[in-house]
Amino acid sequence: MNAIAATSAEQAQQEIAEEFAFFGDWTERYQYLIDLGKQLPAFPEAWKTEEHRVHGCQSMVWLVPSGNASKMHFEAVSDSAIVSGLIALVLRVYSDRPAAEIVATEPTFIGTIGLAKHLSPTRSNGLAAMLAKLKGYAAQATKNEE
């Protein structure tokens, strides 16, 4: 597993699929998700506002965008260990990319690594809500550039 950022969202998804393929069962995959979540950068308490909250998640999730259409950056955090791991994966695929690439990239890694089958319906809904909010920020940035 390399620490160097992938050059595209698609490559990031491919790397995630390769990493998860190393684990034999879902107990190990969940532990890996939790470990990824623990590596998220510190998230300022001041950002934990209603404006940044992702609705539709069972746990509390906050997502803060920055940058512009040429390169968008996202910071996010959750009060749930597994959701924090999901955030780490989502940020790996979508953060620090052009807004157009963010909008165009489907989160295929979710199906590829089997997450779709192993998440509870509420976590799946929360993940979908987070992706929708993130892509919404990117779509807005694209509009602002026009």
C-alpha atoms as a PDB file:
ATOM      1  CA  MET A   1       0.000   0.000   0.000  1.00  0.00           C
ATOM      2  CA  ASN A   2       1.588   3.227  -1.037  1.00  0.00           C
ATOM      3  CA  ALA A   3       1.082   6.529   0.707  1.00  0.00           C
ATOM      4  CA  ILE A   4       1.482   8.533  -2.483  1.00  0.00           C
ATOM      5  CA  ALA A   5      -1.802  10.026  -3.633  1.00  0.00           C
ATOM      6  CA  ALA A   6      -3.253   8.471  -6.756  1.00  0.00           C
ATOM      7  CA  THR A   7      -3.255  10.635  -9.842  1.00  0.00           C
ATOM      8  CA  SER A   8      -6.984  10.181 -10.440  1.00  0.00           C
ATOM      9  CA  ALA A   9     -10.152   9.257  -8.610  1.00  0.00           C
ATOM     10  CA  GLU A  10     -10.324   6.045 -10.647  1.00  0.00           C
ATOM     11  CA  GLN A  11      -6.805   5.035  -9.584  1.00  0.00           C
ATOM     12  CA  ALA A  12      -7.672   5.772  -5.951  1.00  0.00           C
ATOM     13  CA  GLN A  13     -10.689   3.457  -6.251  1.00  0.00           C
ATOM     14  CA  GLN A  14      -8.503   0.747  -7.795  1.00  0.00           C
ATOM     15  CA  GLU A  15      -5.996   1.028  -4.933  1.00  0.00           C
ATOM     16  CA  ILE A  16      -8.789   0.776  -2.354  1.00  0.00           C
ATOM     17  CA  ALA A  17     -10.073  -2.389  -4.058  1.00  0.00           C
ATOM     18  CA  GLU A  18      -6.565  -3.874  -4.002  1.00  0.00           C
ATOM     19  CA  GLU A  19      -6.089  -3.054  -0.313  1.00  0.00           C
ATOM     20  CA  PHE A  20      -9.405  -4.616   0.703  1.00  0.00           C
ATOM     21  CA  ALA A  21      -8.626  -7.739  -1.359  1.00  0.00           C
ATOM     22  CA  PHE A  22      -5.826  -8.506   1.144  1.00  0.00           C
ATOM     23  CA  PHE A  23      -8.342  -9.161   3.914  1.00  0.00           C
ATOM     24  CA  GLY A  24      -9.974 -12.543   4.136  1.00  0.00           C
ATOM     25  CA  ASP A  25     -13.133 -11.621   6.001  1.00  0.00           C
ATOM     26  CA  TRP A  26     -15.299  -8.721   7.007  1.00  0.00           C
ATOM     27  CA  THR A  27     -14.047  -8.661  10.594  1.00  0.00           C
ATOM     28  CA  GLU A  28     -10.607  -7.731   9.235  1.00  0.00           C
ATOM     29  CA  ARG A  29     -12.092  -5.267   6.733  1.00  0.00           C
ATOM     30  CA  TYR A  30     -14.092  -3.496   9.452  1.00  0.00           C
ATOM     31  CA  GLN A  31     -10.948  -3.274  11.600  1.00  0.00           C
ATOM     32  CA  TYR A  32      -9.083  -1.769   8.634  1.00  0.00           C
ATOM     33  CA  LEU A  33     -11.918   0.750   8.138  1.00  0.00           C
ATOM     34  CA  ILE A  34     -11.735   1.719  11.818  1.00  0.00           C
ATOM     35  CA  ASP A  35      -7.946   2.112  11.552  1.00  0.00           C
ATOM     36  CA  LEU A  36      -8.350   4.343   8.465  1.00  0.00           C
ATOM     37  CA  GLY A  37     -10.846   6.488  10.349  1.00  0.00           C
ATOM     38  CA  LYS A  38      -8.364   6.985  13.192  1.00  0.00           C
ATOM     39  CA  GLN A  39      -5.917   8.483  10.675  1.00  0.00           C
ATOM     40  CA  LEU A  40      -8.257  11.315   9.624  1.00  0.00           C
ATOM     41  CA  PRO A  41      -6.723  14.725  10.294  1.00  0.00           C
ATOM     42  CA  ALA A  42      -7.901  16.664  13.340  1.00  0.00           C
ATOM     43  CA  PHE A  43     -11.244  18.365  12.717  1.00  0.00           C
ATOM     44  CA  PRO A  44     -11.818  21.714  14.447  1.00  0.00           C
ATOM     45  CA  GLU A  45     -14.776  21.762  16.851  1.00  0.00           C
ATOM     46  CA  ALA A  46     -15.782  25.126  15.338  1.00  0.00           C
ATOM     47  CA  TRP A  47     -16.595  23.329  12.061  1.00  0.00           C
ATOM     48  CA  LYS A  48     -19.126  21.049  13.728  1.00  0.00           C
ATOM     49  CA  THR A  49     -22.036  23.268  12.758  1.00  0.00           C
ATOM     50  CA  GLU A  50     -25.490  22.582  11.366  1.00  0.00           C
ATOM     51  CA  GLU A  51     -24.359  24.082   8.044  1.00  0.00           C
ATOM     52  CA  HIS A  52     -21.657  21.396   7.672  1.00  0.00           C
ATOM     53  CA  ARG A  53     -23.691  18.500   9.030  1.00  0.00           C
ATOM     54  CA  VAL A  54     -24.622  15.724   6.622  1.00  0.00           C
ATOM     55  CA  HIS A  55     -28.271  14.840   7.142  1.00  0.00           C
ATOM     56  CA  GLY A  56     -29.437  11.303   6.479  1.00  0.00           C
ATOM     57  CA  CYS A  57     -26.687   9.718   8.554  1.00  0.00           C
ATOM     58  CA  GLN A  58     -27.533   7.755  11.684  1.00  0.00           C
ATOM     59  CA  SER A  59     -24.292   8.976  13.249  1.00  0.00           C
ATOM     60  CA  MET A  60     -23.139  12.589  13.288  1.00  0.00           C
ATOM     61  CA  VAL A  61     -21.116  13.527  10.198  1.00  0.00           C
ATOM     62  CA  TRP A  62     -19.714  16.913   9.233  1.00  0.00           C
ATOM     63  CA  LEU A  63     -18.270  17.759   5.807  1.00  0.00           C
ATOM     64  CA  VAL A  64     -16.416  20.992   5.034  1.00  0.00           C
ATOM     65  CA  PRO A  65     -15.449  21.948   1.460  1.00  0.00           C
ATOM     66  CA  SER A  66     -12.694  24.341   0.417  1.00  0.00           C
ATOM     67  CA  GLY A  67     -10.951  25.293  -2.803  1.00  0.00           C
ATOM     68  CA  ASN A  68     -12.571  25.976  -6.149  1.00  0.00           C
ATOM     69  CA  ALA A  69     -13.561  24.174  -9.353  1.00  0.00           C
ATOM     70  CA  SER A  70      -9.936  23.520 -10.326  1.00  0.00           C
ATOM     71  CA  LYS A  71      -9.170  21.723  -7.030  1.00  0.00           C
ATOM     72  CA  MET A  72     -11.601  20.990  -4.251  1.00  0.00           C
ATOM     73  CA  HIS A  73     -10.534  19.836  -0.816  1.00  0.00           C
ATOM     74  CA  PHE A  74     -12.784  18.222   1.773  1.00  0.00           C
ATOM     75  CA  GLU A  75     -12.431  17.675   5.497  1.00  0.00           C
ATOM     76  CA  ALA A  76     -14.892  15.437   7.288  1.00  0.00           C
ATOM     77  CA  VAL A  77     -15.401  13.646  10.575  1.00  0.00           C
ATOM     78  CA  SER A  78     -17.914  11.387  12.280  1.00  0.00           C
ATOM     79  CA  ASP A  79     -18.635  10.327  15.842  1.00  0.00           C
ATOM     80  CA  SER A  80     -18.692   6.697  14.599  1.00  0.00           C
ATOM     81  CA  ALA A  81     -15.499   4.673  14.114  1.00  0.00           C
ATOM     82  CA  ILE A  82     -16.729   2.753  11.060  1.00  0.00           C
ATOM     83  CA  VAL A  83     -18.253   5.859   9.464  1.00  0.00           C
ATOM     84  CA  SER A  84     -14.941   7.671  10.001  1.00  0.00           C
ATOM     85  CA  GLY A  85     -13.305   4.872   8.004  1.00  0.00           C
ATOM     86  CA  LEU A  86     -15.875   5.313   5.228  1.00  0.00           C
ATOM     87  CA  ILE A  87     -15.091   9.036   5.265  1.00  0.00           C
ATOM     88  CA  ALA A  88     -11.381   8.263   4.891  1.00  0.00           C
ATOM     89  CA  LEU A  89     -12.141   6.206   1.765  1.00  0.00           C
ATOM     90  CA  VAL A  90     -14.479   8.838   0.309  1.00  0.00           C
ATOM     91  CA  LEU A  91     -11.914  11.606   0.880  1.00  0.00           C
ATOM     92  CA  ARG A  92      -9.228   9.494  -0.758  1.00  0.00           C
ATOM     93  CA  VAL A  93     -11.323   9.191  -3.895  1.00  0.00           C
ATOM     94  CA  TYR A  94     -12.847  12.672  -4.020  1.00  0.00           C
ATOM     95  CA  SER A  95     -10.724  15.218  -2.136  1.00  0.00           C
ATOM     96  CA  ASP A  96      -8.068  17.341  -3.865  1.00  0.00           C
ATOM     97  CA  ARG A  97      -9.561  16.774  -7.308  1.00  0.00           C
ATOM     98  CA  PRO A  98     -11.096  19.066  -9.930  1.00  0.00           C
ATOM     99  CA  ALA A  99     -14.826  19.616  -9.345  1.00  0.00           C
ATOM    100  CA  ALA A 100     -15.698  18.172 -12.782  1.00  0.00           C
ATOM    101  CA  GLU A 101     -13.873  14.926 -11.934  1.00  0.00           C
ATOM    102  CA  ILE A 102     -15.662  14.749  -8.562  1.00  0.00           C
ATOM    103  CA  VAL A 103     -19.074  15.135 -10.203  1.00  0.00           C
ATOM    104  CA  ALA A 104     -18.242  12.594 -12.942  1.00  0.00           C
ATOM    105  CA  THR A 105     -16.786   9.900 -10.649  1.00  0.00           C
ATOM    106  CA  GLU A 106     -19.155   7.182  -9.524  1.00  0.00           C
ATOM    107  CA  PRO A 107     -18.166   5.523  -6.217  1.00  0.00           C
ATOM    108  CA  THR A 108     -17.572   2.087  -7.750  1.00  0.00           C
ATOM    109  CA  PHE A 109     -15.276   1.077  -4.863  1.00  0.00           C
ATOM    110  CA  ILE A 110     -18.332   0.648  -2.632  1.00  0.00           C
ATOM    111  CA  GLY A 111     -19.532  -2.300  -4.711  1.00  0.00           C
ATOM    112  CA  THR A 112     -16.065  -3.552  -5.631  1.00  0.00           C
ATOM    113  CA  ILE A 113     -14.969  -4.097  -2.031  1.00  0.00           C
ATOM    114  CA  GLY A 114     -18.358  -5.492  -0.994  1.00  0.00           C
ATOM    115  CA  LEU A 115     -19.326  -2.569   1.217  1.00  0.00           C
ATOM    116  CA  ALA A 116     -22.761  -2.322  -0.384  1.00  0.00           C
ATOM    117  CA  LYS A 117     -23.626  -5.793   0.966  1.00  0.00           C
ATOM    118  CA  HIS A 118     -22.059  -5.326   4.403  1.00  0.00           C
ATOM    119  CA  LEU A 119     -23.327  -1.929   5.493  1.00  0.00           C
ATOM    120  CA  SER A 120     -26.557  -1.557   7.407  1.00  0.00           C
ATOM    121  CA  PRO A 121     -29.294   0.300   5.515  1.00  0.00           C
ATOM    122  CA  THR A 122     -28.814   3.355   7.744  1.00  0.00           C
ATOM    123  CA  ARG A 123     -25.048   3.420   7.053  1.00  0.00           C
ATOM    124  CA  SER A 124     -25.682   2.958   3.324  1.00  0.00           C
ATOM    125  CA  ASN A 125     -28.136   5.871   3.396  1.00  0.00           C
ATOM    126  CA  GLY A 126     -25.626   7.978   5.305  1.00  0.00           C
ATOM    127  CA  LEU A 127     -22.853   7.164   2.834  1.00  0.00           C
ATOM    128  CA  ALA A 128     -25.168   8.086  -0.056  1.00  0.00           C
ATOM    129  CA  ALA A 129     -26.081  11.354   1.722  1.00  0.00           C
ATOM    130  CA  MET A 130     -22.409  12.201   2.257  1.00  0.00           C
ATOM    131  CA  LEU A 131     -21.564  11.498  -1.399  1.00  0.00           C
ATOM    132  CA  ALA A 132     -24.560  13.558  -2.545  1.00  0.00           C
ATOM    133  CA  LYS A 133     -23.499  16.524  -0.381  1.00  0.00           C
ATOM    134  CA  LEU A 134     -19.871  16.274  -1.538  1.00  0.00           C
ATOM    135  CA  LYS A 135     -20.886  16.086  -5.208  1.00  0.00           C
ATOM    136  CA  GLY A 136     -23.325  18.956  -4.617  1.00  0.00           C
ATOM    137  CA  TYR A 137     -20.469  21.162  -3.386  1.00  0.00           C
ATOM    138  CA  ALA A 138     -18.460  20.193  -6.481  1.00  0.00           C
ATOM    139  CA  ALA A 139     -21.379  20.916  -8.832  1.00  0.00           C
ATOM    140  CA  GLN A 140     -21.826  24.331  -7.180  1.00  0.00           C
ATOM    141  CA  ALA A 141     -18.112  25.104  -7.589  1.00  0.00           C
ATOM    142  CA  THR A 142     -18.379  24.197 -11.272  1.00  0.00           C
ATOM    143  CA  LYS A 143     -21.363  26.561 -11.669  1.00  0.00           C
ATOM    144  CA  ASN A 144     -19.488  29.347  -9.906  1.00  0.00           C
ATOM    145  CA  GLU A 145     -16.678  29.068 -12.470  1.00  0.00           C
ATOM    146  CA  GLU A 146     -19.043  29.528 -15.433  1.00  0.00           C
END
